[in-house]
Amino acid sequence: MVTSNYKFLESELMDVVRQFPGAEELLIDHSTEARGEKIFNSFFIDGVEKSREDERDGEEEKTALKRYSKLFLYEILSEKYQKRLPWGSVTGIRPTRLAYTEEERGRDFHPLFERLRVSPENIELVGKVLENQRGIREKREGNVDFYVSLPFCPSKCEYCSFITAPIFATRKYLPAYLSALEREISAAKGQIGRLRSIYIGGGTPFALEVEELERVLFAVSQIATEGVEYTVEAGRPDVFSREKLDLCQKYGVTRICINAQSFSDRTLEAIGRKHTRAQLYEAFEMSRDYPFSVNCDLIAGLKGESFAEFSKSVEEAIALSPDNITVHTLCLKKGARLKEERLFGAGKPAVKPLEDGELSEMIAFSRKALTAAGYVPYYLYRQKYMAGSHENVGWTKPGKACIYNVDVMEETTDNLAVGANAISKKVFLQENRIERVASPKDIPTYLEKVEKVIEEKKRYF
């Protein structure tokens, strides 16, 4: 538990605490203040007080209070638990935003990241991501990405915290859901400025039947512009079919995602997947007959998966030669069955987490192997509760980066999103702020309130 004389800092400091197993049991009392160009911090932890001053580096006061409070707490806990974290005291979702802010001030971001104790490997990674976003990332008023949420899946994976449920349990809502989507998409026609990309995600969009999927694709075709990047997160190979791929080609889709997660049959079964490694190969082979760019997702740290199994999955993904490979680190949020297992032993014995060293080896291997195969990192982001305090990284063949991923992660572009649990974002570049409009998470509530959601978006778009 953390208490501070600034309430807004309590959650920020807890983000640091959560990264050290056992630290959440500590009673931490904090106070801070700005003294001219210095920031004074004092922590009282388990009867011991530690204080120090940090020199401000041109930051505004609120930013400096947050930055140096977190840094000091990180260093105290790092010493106490004899543990260094790959991102040091940086806990935000988008480390690249911090780097861009420094660049916009005319400064090299390296000194700040070094001061915040980010590892040399991750400082280098951030630099490469910024380099590979040149010519893609664009801060321009009126740019819009369009997102369609289809929260239906063949089954729910054990690590998943999304609102998705097995489609057999939610199919009763599908006719009404498709009608609601059509109304939202139609209303969006007059709200879209300069369209950068379209992304249909989930869930697993290919979990829909051919006729259902065509209703969505036809509705989106009313706003699509020729030549725009257009992604469908096809998802799992057990719902792939040539008819669905034919539809995607007919309606101008340019990119699909095959969410492998692992090429180990043992792992796929353990996480609740209903497909096999062989079916993954069949999906890739089927996709070769179409002009789509293909992304393949992998996850490091899956239930019981060894370094050898993960590294083999990386090698198999590379051998299949998709245009993009995204390497995620396992993240367990509230609502994920695997998180409940680990916390409460619900139904099954708790799963022993990977050792930090083994997970770090997985991440290091993926970076080395993908770089050797000619892929470059082009976006990264972090989440709370990520195993080992690592990150998710999108890798691409040169010239094949996904515009939507860059826009969403860097938050430089408006995002008009439709469907349940869709979060629209209006970016005010001149004011350096973002307004969000969130649709209801669960499908029945979304269906009940869809007209209100449409009206609310009109105020922003």
Protein backbone atom coordinates (compact mmCIF):
# COMPACT_ATOMS: atom_id res chain seq x y z
CA MET A 1 0.00 0.00 0.00
CA VAL A 2 1.27 3.46 -0.94
CA THR A 3 0.16 6.79 0.51
CA SER A 4 1.48 10.12 -0.76
CA ASN A 5 0.91 13.81 -0.13
CA TYR A 6 -0.06 13.97 -3.84
CA LYS A 7 -2.97 11.61 -4.52
CA PHE A 8 -2.24 11.39 -8.25
CA LEU A 9 1.13 9.83 -7.43
CA GLU A 10 -0.25 6.90 -5.45
CA SER A 11 -1.31 4.88 -8.50
CA GLU A 12 1.91 5.83 -10.32
CA LEU A 13 4.02 4.59 -7.44
CA MET A 14 1.96 1.39 -7.18
CA ASP A 15 2.85 0.68 -10.80
CA VAL A 16 6.48 0.56 -9.66
CA VAL A 17 5.68 -1.53 -6.58
CA ARG A 18 3.81 -4.21 -8.58
CA GLN A 19 6.91 -4.99 -10.56
CA PHE A 20 8.66 -6.38 -7.48
CA PRO A 21 7.06 -9.61 -6.17
CA GLY A 22 6.37 -9.22 -2.46
CA ALA A 23 6.56 -5.42 -2.46
CA GLU A 24 2.76 -5.06 -2.44
CA GLU A 25 2.85 -6.21 1.19
CA LEU A 26 4.93 -3.20 2.19
CA LEU A 27 3.49 -0.10 3.87
CA ILE A 28 4.95 2.84 1.97
CA ASP A 29 4.44 6.46 3.02
CA HIS A 30 5.67 9.07 0.55
CA SER A 31 6.03 12.82 0.43
CA THR A 32 7.45 15.06 -2.27
CA GLU A 33 7.78 18.73 -3.17
CA ALA A 34 9.41 20.97 -5.72
CA ARG A 35 12.12 23.25 -4.34
CA GLY A 36 13.06 25.55 -7.18
CA GLU A 37 14.92 23.42 -9.70
CA LYS A 38 15.11 20.47 -7.33
CA ILE A 39 12.60 17.75 -6.45
CA PHE A 40 12.67 16.49 -2.87
CA ASN A 41 11.40 12.95 -2.13
CA SER A 42 11.04 11.05 1.11
CA PHE A 43 9.92 7.43 1.52
CA PHE A 44 9.11 5.77 4.84
CA ILE A 45 9.13 2.00 4.25
CA ASP A 46 8.83 -0.58 7.02
CA GLY A 47 10.14 1.82 9.64
CA VAL A 48 13.05 3.12 7.56
CA GLU A 49 13.11 6.59 6.04
CA LYS A 50 15.05 7.43 2.90
CA SER A 51 15.23 10.91 1.37
CA ARG A 52 16.99 12.65 -1.49
CA GLU A 53 16.88 15.54 -3.97
CA ASP A 54 16.99 15.29 -7.76
CA GLU A 55 17.89 18.09 -10.15
CA ARG A 56 15.09 18.91 -12.57
CA ASP A 57 15.96 18.70 -16.24
CA GLY A 58 13.56 21.28 -17.63
CA GLU A 59 10.39 19.25 -16.93
CA GLU A 60 7.23 20.97 -15.79
CA GLU A 61 6.59 20.51 -12.10
CA LYS A 62 3.96 17.73 -12.23
CA THR A 63 6.04 15.68 -14.64
CA ALA A 64 9.14 16.12 -12.49
CA LEU A 65 7.32 15.11 -9.30
CA LYS A 66 6.10 11.93 -10.96
CA ARG A 67 9.36 11.09 -12.73
CA TYR A 68 11.73 11.44 -9.77
CA SER A 69 9.35 9.94 -7.20
CA LYS A 70 9.08 6.79 -9.31
CA LEU A 71 12.81 6.71 -9.98
CA PHE A 72 13.73 6.96 -6.29
CA LEU A 73 11.19 4.28 -5.30
CA TYR A 74 12.45 2.03 -8.08
CA GLU A 75 16.02 2.36 -6.84
CA ILE A 76 14.99 1.65 -3.23
CA LEU A 77 13.08 -1.50 -4.21
CA SER A 78 15.71 -2.59 -6.72
CA GLU A 79 18.29 -2.53 -3.93
CA LYS A 80 15.95 -4.18 -1.40
CA TYR A 81 15.02 -7.09 -3.70
CA GLN A 82 18.33 -7.21 -5.61
CA LYS A 83 16.50 -6.98 -8.89
CA ARG A 84 16.93 -4.70 -11.90
CA LEU A 85 14.06 -4.31 -14.36
CA PRO A 86 14.51 -4.05 -18.14
CA TRP A 87 12.60 -0.75 -18.28
CA GLY A 88 13.89 0.66 -14.99
CA SER A 89 11.41 3.12 -13.49
CA VAL A 90 9.54 3.59 -16.78
CA THR A 91 6.07 2.11 -16.26
CA GLY A 92 4.05 3.79 -19.01
CA ILE A 93 2.45 1.89 -21.86
CA ARG A 94 4.38 3.76 -24.57
CA PRO A 95 8.09 4.27 -23.89
CA THR A 96 8.47 5.64 -27.42
CA ARG A 97 6.25 8.60 -26.52
CA LEU A 98 8.77 9.61 -23.89
CA ALA A 99 11.53 9.41 -26.50
CA TYR A 100 9.54 11.46 -29.01
CA THR A 101 8.86 14.11 -26.38
CA GLU A 102 12.59 14.50 -25.83
CA GLU A 103 13.20 14.72 -29.59
CA GLU A 104 10.50 17.38 -29.95
CA ARG A 105 12.37 19.40 -27.33
CA GLY A 106 15.46 19.14 -29.51
CA ARG A 107 17.19 16.64 -27.23
CA ASP A 108 18.63 13.17 -27.53
CA PHE A 109 16.40 10.75 -25.58
CA HIS A 110 19.29 8.48 -24.49
CA PRO A 111 20.40 10.48 -21.41
CA LEU A 112 16.88 10.54 -19.96
CA PHE A 113 16.39 6.78 -20.49
CA GLU A 114 19.77 6.10 -18.92
CA ARG A 115 18.81 8.26 -15.93
CA LEU A 116 15.58 6.29 -15.56
CA ARG A 117 17.63 3.05 -15.48
CA VAL A 118 16.34 1.58 -18.74
CA SER A 119 18.61 -1.23 -19.91
CA PRO A 120 21.04 -0.50 -22.77
CA GLU A 121 19.30 -3.18 -24.87
CA ASN A 122 15.92 -1.48 -24.49
CA ILE A 123 17.35 1.99 -25.16
CA GLU A 124 18.74 0.57 -28.40
CA LEU A 125 15.35 -1.03 -29.17
CA VAL A 126 13.54 2.30 -28.72
CA GLY A 127 16.01 3.97 -31.06
CA LYS A 128 15.40 1.33 -33.74
CA VAL A 129 11.62 1.66 -33.41
CA LEU A 130 11.82 5.44 -33.86
CA GLU A 131 14.06 4.97 -36.87
CA ASN A 132 11.68 2.45 -38.47
CA GLN A 133 8.65 4.69 -37.89
CA ARG A 134 10.16 7.49 -39.98
CA GLY A 135 7.87 8.12 -42.93
CA ILE A 136 4.97 6.24 -41.27
CA ARG A 137 4.25 8.12 -38.05
CA GLU A 138 2.44 11.32 -38.97
CA LYS A 139 1.07 14.05 -36.69
CA ARG A 140 -1.53 15.76 -38.86
CA GLU A 141 -4.96 17.08 -37.93
CA GLY A 142 -7.78 15.22 -39.66
CA ASN A 143 -6.06 11.83 -39.97
CA VAL A 144 -8.37 8.97 -38.92
CA ASP A 145 -8.09 5.21 -38.42
CA PHE A 146 -11.28 3.14 -38.39
CA TYR A 147 -11.71 0.14 -36.08
CA VAL A 148 -14.47 -2.49 -36.03
CA SER A 149 -14.87 -4.73 -32.97
CA LEU A 150 -16.10 -8.31 -33.44
CA PRO A 151 -15.86 -9.82 -29.93
CA PHE A 152 -16.57 -13.43 -30.90
CA CYS A 153 -14.14 -16.36 -30.59
CA PRO A 154 -14.27 -20.15 -31.10
CA SER A 155 -13.16 -20.52 -27.45
CA LYS A 156 -11.66 -18.32 -24.74
CA CYS A 157 -7.91 -18.69 -24.14
CA GLU A 158 -6.76 -19.03 -20.54
CA TYR A 159 -4.71 -15.81 -20.65
CA CYS A 160 -7.46 -13.71 -22.26
CA SER A 161 -9.04 -10.83 -20.31
CA PHE A 162 -11.11 -9.43 -23.21
CA ILE A 163 -14.91 -9.51 -23.20
CA THR A 164 -14.91 -12.27 -25.80
CA ALA A 165 -16.67 -15.53 -25.02
CA PRO A 166 -17.03 -18.77 -26.99
CA ILE A 167 -19.28 -17.99 -29.94
CA PHE A 168 -21.65 -20.83 -29.07
CA ALA A 169 -22.56 -18.81 -25.96
CA THR A 170 -22.90 -15.43 -27.72
CA ARG A 171 -24.28 -16.39 -31.14
CA LYS A 172 -27.80 -15.48 -29.97
CA TYR A 173 -26.68 -11.83 -29.94
CA LEU A 174 -25.06 -11.91 -33.37
CA PRO A 175 -28.01 -10.87 -35.61
CA ALA A 176 -28.73 -7.84 -33.43
CA TYR A 177 -25.02 -7.10 -33.09
CA LEU A 178 -24.50 -7.03 -36.85
CA SER A 179 -27.47 -4.68 -37.24
CA ALA A 180 -26.04 -2.37 -34.57
CA LEU A 181 -22.64 -2.39 -36.29
CA GLU A 182 -24.26 -1.50 -39.60
CA ARG A 183 -25.98 1.50 -37.95
CA GLU A 184 -22.70 2.63 -36.36
CA ILE A 185 -20.73 2.25 -39.57
CA SER A 186 -23.36 4.11 -41.57
CA ALA A 187 -23.33 6.95 -39.04
CA ALA A 188 -19.53 7.12 -39.31
CA LYS A 189 -19.59 7.96 -43.02
CA GLY A 190 -19.81 11.68 -42.41
CA GLN A 191 -17.39 11.63 -39.48
CA ILE A 192 -14.25 10.33 -41.18
CA GLY A 193 -11.65 12.82 -42.31
CA ARG A 194 -8.47 11.64 -44.00
CA LEU A 195 -8.66 7.84 -43.69
CA ARG A 196 -5.30 6.20 -42.93
CA SER A 197 -6.32 2.60 -42.23
CA ILE A 198 -9.13 0.18 -41.41
CA TYR A 199 -8.80 -2.62 -38.86
CA ILE A 200 -11.39 -5.31 -38.12
CA GLY A 201 -10.40 -7.01 -34.87
CA GLY A 202 -11.82 -9.04 -32.06
CA GLY A 203 -12.11 -11.54 -30.86
CA THR A 204 -11.71 -13.63 -33.95
CA PRO A 205 -13.54 -12.10 -36.94
CA PHE A 206 -13.25 -15.36 -38.90
CA ALA A 207 -15.34 -17.03 -36.17
CA LEU A 208 -18.33 -15.54 -38.04
CA GLU A 209 -19.97 -17.53 -40.81
CA VAL A 210 -19.32 -16.42 -44.40
CA GLU A 211 -22.67 -14.60 -44.75
CA GLU A 212 -22.20 -12.84 -41.41
CA LEU A 213 -18.67 -11.74 -42.24
CA GLU A 214 -19.85 -10.38 -45.60
CA ARG A 215 -22.40 -8.15 -43.86
CA VAL A 216 -19.54 -6.51 -41.95
CA LEU A 217 -17.24 -6.22 -44.95
CA PHE A 218 -20.01 -4.78 -47.12
CA ALA A 219 -20.87 -2.18 -44.47
CA VAL A 220 -17.21 -1.17 -44.16
CA SER A 221 -16.90 -0.93 -47.95
CA GLN A 222 -19.20 2.11 -47.81
CA ILE A 223 -16.47 4.11 -46.05
CA ALA A 224 -13.30 2.45 -47.42
CA THR A 225 -11.19 4.40 -49.89
CA GLU A 226 -9.10 2.84 -52.62
CA GLY A 227 -5.55 2.01 -51.63
CA VAL A 228 -6.09 2.39 -47.87
CA GLU A 229 -4.44 -0.16 -45.59
CA TYR A 230 -7.15 -2.64 -44.54
CA THR A 231 -6.55 -5.35 -41.93
CA VAL A 232 -8.76 -8.23 -40.85
CA GLU A 233 -7.59 -10.10 -37.77
CA ALA A 234 -8.50 -13.49 -39.22
CA GLY A 235 -7.29 -15.17 -36.05
CA ARG A 236 -7.14 -18.88 -35.53
CA PRO A 237 -6.64 -21.48 -38.25
CA ASP A 238 -9.58 -23.64 -37.12
CA VAL A 239 -11.97 -21.01 -38.53
CA PHE A 240 -10.03 -20.32 -41.75
CA SER A 241 -11.64 -21.07 -45.09
CA ARG A 242 -11.07 -20.11 -48.70
CA GLU A 243 -14.56 -18.61 -48.81
CA LYS A 244 -13.65 -16.13 -46.07
CA LEU A 245 -10.31 -15.29 -47.69
CA ASP A 246 -12.12 -14.83 -51.01
CA LEU A 247 -14.45 -12.35 -49.30
CA CYS A 248 -11.53 -10.41 -47.89
CA GLN A 249 -9.96 -10.14 -51.32
CA LYS A 250 -13.29 -9.12 -52.88
CA TYR A 251 -13.71 -6.24 -50.43
CA GLY A 252 -10.17 -4.88 -50.69
CA VAL A 253 -8.55 -6.24 -47.53
CA THR A 254 -4.76 -5.85 -47.75
CA ARG A 255 -3.56 -7.50 -44.53
CA ILE A 256 -4.61 -10.43 -42.33
CA CYS A 257 -3.39 -11.70 -38.96
CA ILE A 258 -2.85 -15.36 -38.14
CA ASN A 259 -2.69 -15.51 -34.35
CA ALA A 260 -0.53 -18.56 -33.82
CA GLN A 261 0.67 -17.70 -30.26
CA SER A 262 2.70 -20.94 -30.28
CA PHE A 263 3.65 -23.73 -32.66
CA SER A 264 3.67 -26.30 -29.85
CA ASP A 265 0.64 -28.61 -29.77
CA ARG A 266 1.18 -29.15 -26.05
CA THR A 267 1.10 -25.40 -25.37
CA LEU A 268 -1.90 -24.80 -27.62
CA GLU A 269 -3.88 -27.39 -25.69
CA ALA A 270 -2.74 -25.97 -22.34
CA ILE A 271 -3.96 -22.44 -23.16
CA GLY A 272 -7.35 -23.60 -24.43
CA ARG A 273 -6.79 -23.43 -28.16
CA LYS A 274 -8.85 -25.80 -30.31
CA HIS A 275 -6.41 -26.08 -33.18
CA THR A 276 -3.08 -27.76 -33.88
CA ARG A 277 0.32 -26.80 -35.23
CA ALA A 278 -0.56 -28.60 -38.48
CA GLN A 279 -3.61 -26.36 -38.92
CA LEU A 280 -1.39 -23.29 -38.53
CA TYR A 281 0.69 -24.49 -41.47
CA GLU A 282 -2.50 -25.10 -43.47
CA ALA A 283 -3.69 -21.54 -42.78
CA PHE A 284 -0.38 -20.06 -43.91
CA GLU A 285 -0.36 -22.24 -47.02
CA MET A 286 -3.94 -21.21 -47.86
CA SER A 287 -3.06 -17.53 -47.43
CA ARG A 288 -0.21 -17.75 -49.95
CA ASP A 289 -2.80 -17.88 -52.77
CA TYR A 290 -3.91 -14.33 -51.90
CA PRO A 291 -2.20 -10.92 -52.14
CA PHE A 292 -2.44 -10.19 -48.40
CA SER A 293 0.38 -9.12 -46.15
CA VAL A 294 0.35 -11.54 -43.21
CA ASN A 295 1.07 -10.94 -39.52
CA CYS A 296 1.81 -13.78 -37.12
CA ASP A 297 1.49 -13.37 -33.34
CA LEU A 298 3.59 -15.22 -30.77
CA ILE A 299 3.54 -15.01 -26.95
CA ALA A 300 6.56 -15.46 -24.68
CA GLY A 301 5.80 -16.91 -21.24
CA LEU A 302 2.78 -19.06 -22.05
CA LYS A 303 1.56 -21.67 -19.60
CA GLY A 304 4.32 -24.19 -18.96
CA GLU A 305 6.15 -23.43 -22.22
CA SER A 306 9.92 -23.87 -22.08
CA PHE A 307 12.61 -21.77 -23.70
CA ALA A 308 13.19 -24.58 -26.22
CA GLU A 309 9.52 -24.65 -27.22
CA PHE A 310 9.27 -20.88 -27.53
CA SER A 311 12.48 -20.56 -29.54
CA LYS A 312 11.27 -23.29 -31.90
CA SER A 313 8.01 -21.34 -32.40
CA VAL A 314 10.04 -18.25 -33.31
CA GLU A 315 12.10 -20.26 -35.80
CA GLU A 316 8.97 -21.82 -37.35
CA ALA A 317 7.27 -18.44 -37.67
CA ILE A 318 10.35 -17.00 -39.39
CA ALA A 319 10.50 -19.98 -41.75
CA LEU A 320 6.91 -19.29 -42.85
CA SER A 321 8.07 -15.76 -43.78
CA PRO A 322 5.09 -13.55 -42.89
CA ASP A 323 5.54 -9.82 -43.49
CA ASN A 324 5.08 -9.05 -39.80
CA ILE A 325 5.75 -11.05 -36.62
CA THR A 326 4.54 -9.66 -33.31
CA VAL A 327 6.18 -11.00 -30.15
CA HIS A 328 4.04 -10.45 -27.07
CA THR A 329 4.99 -11.05 -23.45
CA LEU A 330 2.33 -12.83 -21.42
CA CYS A 331 0.10 -10.34 -19.63
CA LEU A 332 -2.47 -11.52 -17.10
CA LYS A 333 -5.22 -9.02 -16.29
CA LYS A 334 -8.37 -9.33 -14.23
CA GLY A 335 -10.77 -11.68 -15.98
CA ALA A 336 -8.09 -13.98 -17.39
CA ARG A 337 -8.67 -17.57 -16.24
CA LEU A 338 -4.94 -18.16 -15.90
CA LYS A 339 -4.61 -15.15 -13.57
CA GLU A 340 -7.36 -16.52 -11.35
CA GLU A 341 -5.55 -19.87 -11.29
CA ARG A 342 -2.33 -18.26 -10.19
CA LEU A 343 -3.95 -16.10 -7.55
CA PHE A 344 -6.52 -18.47 -6.12
CA GLY A 345 -5.86 -21.94 -7.50
CA ALA A 346 -9.37 -21.87 -8.93
CA GLY A 347 -10.21 -25.32 -10.23
CA LYS A 348 -6.61 -26.34 -10.93
CA PRO A 349 -3.24 -26.10 -9.22
CA ALA A 350 -1.67 -22.67 -9.56
CA VAL A 351 0.76 -22.38 -12.46
CA LYS A 352 4.34 -21.66 -11.47
CA PRO A 353 5.47 -18.50 -13.29
CA LEU A 354 8.55 -18.59 -15.45
CA GLU A 355 11.77 -17.51 -13.84
CA ASP A 356 12.69 -13.97 -14.92
CA GLY A 357 15.93 -15.24 -16.39
CA GLU A 358 14.25 -17.77 -18.68
CA LEU A 359 11.70 -15.22 -19.91
CA SER A 360 14.48 -12.70 -20.56
CA GLU A 361 16.27 -15.37 -22.59
CA MET A 362 13.13 -15.87 -24.66
CA ILE A 363 12.85 -12.15 -25.41
CA ALA A 364 16.57 -11.89 -26.21
CA PHE A 365 16.38 -14.92 -28.52
CA SER A 366 13.40 -13.51 -30.43
CA ARG A 367 15.18 -10.20 -30.98
CA LYS A 368 18.36 -11.87 -32.20
CA ALA A 369 16.59 -14.38 -34.46
CA LEU A 370 14.24 -11.85 -36.03
CA THR A 371 17.03 -9.36 -36.65
CA ALA A 372 19.14 -12.08 -38.28
CA ALA A 373 16.18 -12.97 -40.53
CA GLY A 374 15.90 -9.37 -41.77
CA TYR A 375 12.99 -8.17 -39.62
CA VAL A 376 13.12 -4.77 -37.91
CA PRO A 377 11.17 -3.54 -34.84
CA TYR A 378 8.62 -0.87 -35.77
CA TYR A 379 6.32 -0.51 -32.75
CA LEU A 380 6.33 -1.49 -29.10
CA TYR A 381 4.10 -1.09 -26.11
CA ARG A 382 3.83 -2.28 -22.55
CA GLN A 383 0.94 -3.24 -20.26
CA LYS A 384 0.41 -3.60 -16.55
CA TYR A 385 0.94 -7.10 -15.16
CA MET A 386 3.32 -8.14 -17.93
CA ALA A 387 5.52 -11.07 -17.02
CA GLY A 388 9.05 -9.97 -16.17
CA SER A 389 8.15 -6.29 -16.83
CA HIS A 390 8.92 -6.80 -20.50
CA GLU A 391 7.04 -5.54 -23.59
CA ASN A 392 5.28 -6.38 -26.86
CA VAL A 393 7.19 -5.68 -30.07
CA GLY A 394 5.99 -5.64 -33.66
CA TRP A 395 8.61 -6.75 -36.18
CA THR A 396 8.33 -6.17 -39.91
CA LYS A 397 10.09 -6.84 -43.15
CA PRO A 398 11.35 -3.51 -44.51
CA GLY A 399 8.54 -1.63 -46.23
CA LYS A 400 5.78 -3.83 -44.79
CA ALA A 401 4.97 -2.05 -41.51
CA CYS A 402 1.33 -1.78 -40.43
CA ILE A 403 0.19 1.86 -40.39
CA TYR A 404 -2.67 1.11 -37.99
CA ASN A 405 -0.33 -0.31 -35.34
CA VAL A 406 1.96 2.73 -35.49
CA ASP A 407 -0.97 5.16 -35.30
CA VAL A 408 -2.64 3.40 -32.38
CA MET A 409 0.49 2.91 -30.32
CA GLU A 410 1.80 6.44 -30.85
CA GLU A 411 -1.67 8.04 -30.52
CA THR A 412 -0.99 10.57 -33.26
CA THR A 413 -4.22 9.91 -35.18
CA ASP A 414 -7.94 10.00 -34.43
CA ASN A 415 -9.38 6.51 -33.98
CA LEU A 416 -13.07 6.07 -34.77
CA ALA A 417 -14.06 2.70 -33.31
CA VAL A 418 -17.38 0.87 -33.55
CA GLY A 419 -18.79 -2.12 -31.69
CA ALA A 420 -18.86 -3.40 -28.12
CA ASN A 421 -15.83 -2.46 -26.00
CA ALA A 422 -14.57 -0.18 -28.78
CA ILE A 423 -12.75 2.94 -27.57
CA SER A 424 -12.74 5.90 -29.93
CA LYS A 425 -10.04 8.53 -29.51
CA LYS A 426 -10.09 12.14 -30.68
CA VAL A 427 -6.56 13.54 -30.76
CA PHE A 428 -6.14 17.30 -30.26
CA LEU A 429 -2.57 17.76 -31.47
CA GLN A 430 -2.29 21.46 -30.77
CA GLU A 431 -3.50 21.01 -27.19
CA ASN A 432 -1.56 17.78 -26.64
CA ARG A 433 -4.57 15.94 -25.27
CA ILE A 434 -6.86 13.03 -26.15
CA GLU A 435 -10.60 12.62 -25.55
CA ARG A 436 -11.92 9.04 -25.36
CA VAL A 437 -15.41 7.69 -26.04
CA ALA A 438 -15.85 4.12 -24.78
CA SER A 439 -18.69 1.88 -25.91
CA PRO A 440 -20.19 -0.52 -23.34
CA LYS A 441 -18.04 -3.61 -22.82
CA ASP A 442 -20.68 -6.32 -22.75
CA ILE A 443 -22.76 -7.06 -25.83
CA PRO A 444 -26.29 -6.77 -24.32
CA THR A 445 -25.55 -3.33 -22.85
CA TYR A 446 -23.97 -2.21 -26.12
CA LEU A 447 -27.08 -3.29 -28.04
CA GLU A 448 -29.28 -1.42 -25.61
CA LYS A 449 -27.26 1.81 -25.81
CA VAL A 450 -25.97 1.83 -29.40
CA GLU A 451 -28.00 4.91 -30.42
CA LYS A 452 -26.61 6.86 -27.48
CA VAL A 453 -23.08 5.74 -28.47
CA ILE A 454 -23.65 7.01 -32.02
CA GLU A 455 -24.83 10.40 -30.77
CA GLU A 456 -21.91 10.72 -28.36
CA LYS A 457 -19.37 10.13 -31.15
CA LYS A 458 -20.98 12.82 -33.28
CA ARG A 459 -19.90 15.38 -30.69
CA TYR A 460 -16.25 14.53 -31.32
CA PHE A 461 -16.12 13.45 -34.96
